[in-house]
Amino acid sequence: MPFFSDLATCFSRFLQYNTANISTVIGQLIAGVVINHFGWFGRVEISLDWKRWLALGSMMLALYFV
């Protein structure tokens, strides 16, 4: 997903480099969860379970501590 990489490049002057990279990974993770949840692009729908919520929460916590 080049969109997230472009955003990280644009905002890396304002944010620290690690923060921009972790934000990129979180954005890709959220996009993947949304695509799976709604079954876009002809995919099988995969609902949000506790493992996915835990992964999203862990990434947000990592972003907070960076």
C-alpha atoms as a PDB file:
ATOM      1  CA  MET A   1       0.000   0.000   0.000  1.00  0.00           C
ATOM      2  CA  PRO A   2       2.069   2.926  -1.220  1.00  0.00           C
ATOM      3  CA  PHE A   3      -0.374   5.457   0.255  1.00  0.00           C
ATOM      4  CA  PHE A   4       0.822   4.784   3.806  1.00  0.00           C
ATOM      5  CA  SER A   5       4.481   4.967   2.773  1.00  0.00           C
ATOM      6  CA  ASP A   6       3.858   8.328   1.094  1.00  0.00           C
ATOM      7  CA  LEU A   7       2.182   9.652   4.228  1.00  0.00           C
ATOM      8  CA  ALA A   8       5.077   8.445   6.384  1.00  0.00           C
ATOM      9  CA  THR A   9       7.517  10.248   4.095  1.00  0.00           C
ATOM     10  CA  CYS A  10       5.512  13.473   4.203  1.00  0.00           C
ATOM     11  CA  PHE A  11       5.050  13.489   7.970  1.00  0.00           C
ATOM     12  CA  SER A  12       8.512  12.240   8.933  1.00  0.00           C
ATOM     13  CA  ARG A  13       9.745  15.848   9.180  1.00  0.00           C
ATOM     14  CA  PHE A  14       7.102  16.606  11.798  1.00  0.00           C
ATOM     15  CA  LEU A  15       7.185  13.276  13.609  1.00  0.00           C
ATOM     16  CA  GLN A  16      10.095  11.216  14.738  1.00  0.00           C
ATOM     17  CA  TYR A  17      11.143   8.567  12.249  1.00  0.00           C
ATOM     18  CA  ASN A  18      10.066   5.651  14.483  1.00  0.00           C
ATOM     19  CA  THR A  19       6.669   7.213  15.103  1.00  0.00           C
ATOM     20  CA  ALA A  20       6.096   7.620  11.373  1.00  0.00           C
ATOM     21  CA  ASN A  21       7.052   3.984  10.729  1.00  0.00           C
ATOM     22  CA  ILE A  22       4.851   2.596  13.493  1.00  0.00           C
ATOM     23  CA  SER A  23       1.977   4.769  12.261  1.00  0.00           C
ATOM     24  CA  THR A  24       2.446   3.269   8.801  1.00  0.00           C
ATOM     25  CA  VAL A  25       2.291  -0.268  10.172  1.00  0.00           C
ATOM     26  CA  ILE A  26      -0.801   0.552  12.254  1.00  0.00           C
ATOM     27  CA  GLY A  27      -2.512   2.074   9.203  1.00  0.00           C
ATOM     28  CA  GLN A  28      -1.811  -1.039   7.151  1.00  0.00           C
ATOM     29  CA  LEU A  29      -3.026  -3.259   9.979  1.00  0.00           C
ATOM     30  CA  ILE A  30      -6.270  -1.307  10.323  1.00  0.00           C
ATOM     31  CA  ALA A  31      -6.821  -1.353   6.552  1.00  0.00           C
ATOM     32  CA  GLY A  32      -6.294  -5.121   6.511  1.00  0.00           C
ATOM     33  CA  VAL A  33      -8.712  -5.642   9.412  1.00  0.00           C
ATOM     34  CA  VAL A  34     -11.381  -3.514   7.712  1.00  0.00           C
ATOM     35  CA  ILE A  35     -10.936  -5.321   4.384  1.00  0.00           C
ATOM     36  CA  ASN A  36     -11.197  -8.711   6.099  1.00  0.00           C
ATOM     37  CA  HIS A  37     -14.139  -7.698   8.287  1.00  0.00           C
ATOM     38  CA  PHE A  38     -16.296  -6.487   5.410  1.00  0.00           C
ATOM     39  CA  GLY A  39     -15.064  -9.029   2.853  1.00  0.00           C
ATOM     40  CA  TRP A  40     -14.002  -6.464   0.277  1.00  0.00           C
ATOM     41  CA  PHE A  41     -12.203  -7.487  -2.933  1.00  0.00           C
ATOM     42  CA  GLY A  42     -14.036 -10.818  -3.048  1.00  0.00           C
ATOM     43  CA  ARG A  43     -12.498 -12.053   0.194  1.00  0.00           C
ATOM     44  CA  VAL A  44     -14.166 -14.174   2.831  1.00  0.00           C
ATOM     45  CA  GLU A  45     -15.490 -12.109   5.739  1.00  0.00           C
ATOM     46  CA  ILE A  46     -13.427 -12.531   8.897  1.00  0.00           C
ATOM     47  CA  SER A  47     -15.006 -10.881  11.909  1.00  0.00           C
ATOM     48  CA  LEU A  48     -13.111  -9.012  14.595  1.00  0.00           C
ATOM     49  CA  ASP A  49     -12.253 -11.431  17.373  1.00  0.00           C
ATOM     50  CA  TRP A  50     -10.306 -10.872  20.567  1.00  0.00           C
ATOM     51  CA  LYS A  51      -6.981 -11.644  18.881  1.00  0.00           C
ATOM     52  CA  ARG A  52      -7.421  -8.852  16.354  1.00  0.00           C
ATOM     53  CA  TRP A  53      -8.551  -6.407  19.039  1.00  0.00           C
ATOM     54  CA  LEU A  54      -5.503  -7.382  21.091  1.00  0.00           C
ATOM     55  CA  ALA A  55      -3.205  -6.790  18.114  1.00  0.00           C
ATOM     56  CA  LEU A  56      -4.737  -3.368  17.424  1.00  0.00           C
ATOM     57  CA  GLY A  57      -4.525  -2.406  21.095  1.00  0.00           C
ATOM     58  CA  SER A  58      -0.905  -3.537  21.334  1.00  0.00           C
ATOM     59  CA  MET A  59       0.066  -1.486  18.299  1.00  0.00           C
ATOM     60  CA  MET A  60      -1.682   1.600  19.661  1.00  0.00           C
ATOM     61  CA  LEU A  61       0.109   1.085  22.980  1.00  0.00           C
ATOM     62  CA  ALA A  62       3.429   0.816  21.143  1.00  0.00           C
ATOM     63  CA  LEU A  63       2.697   4.063  19.317  1.00  0.00           C
ATOM     64  CA  TYR A  64       1.892   5.756  22.628  1.00  0.00           C
ATOM     65  CA  PHE A  65       5.213   4.689  24.153  1.00  0.00           C
ATOM     66  CA  VAL A  66       7.276   5.754  21.141  1.00  0.00           C
END
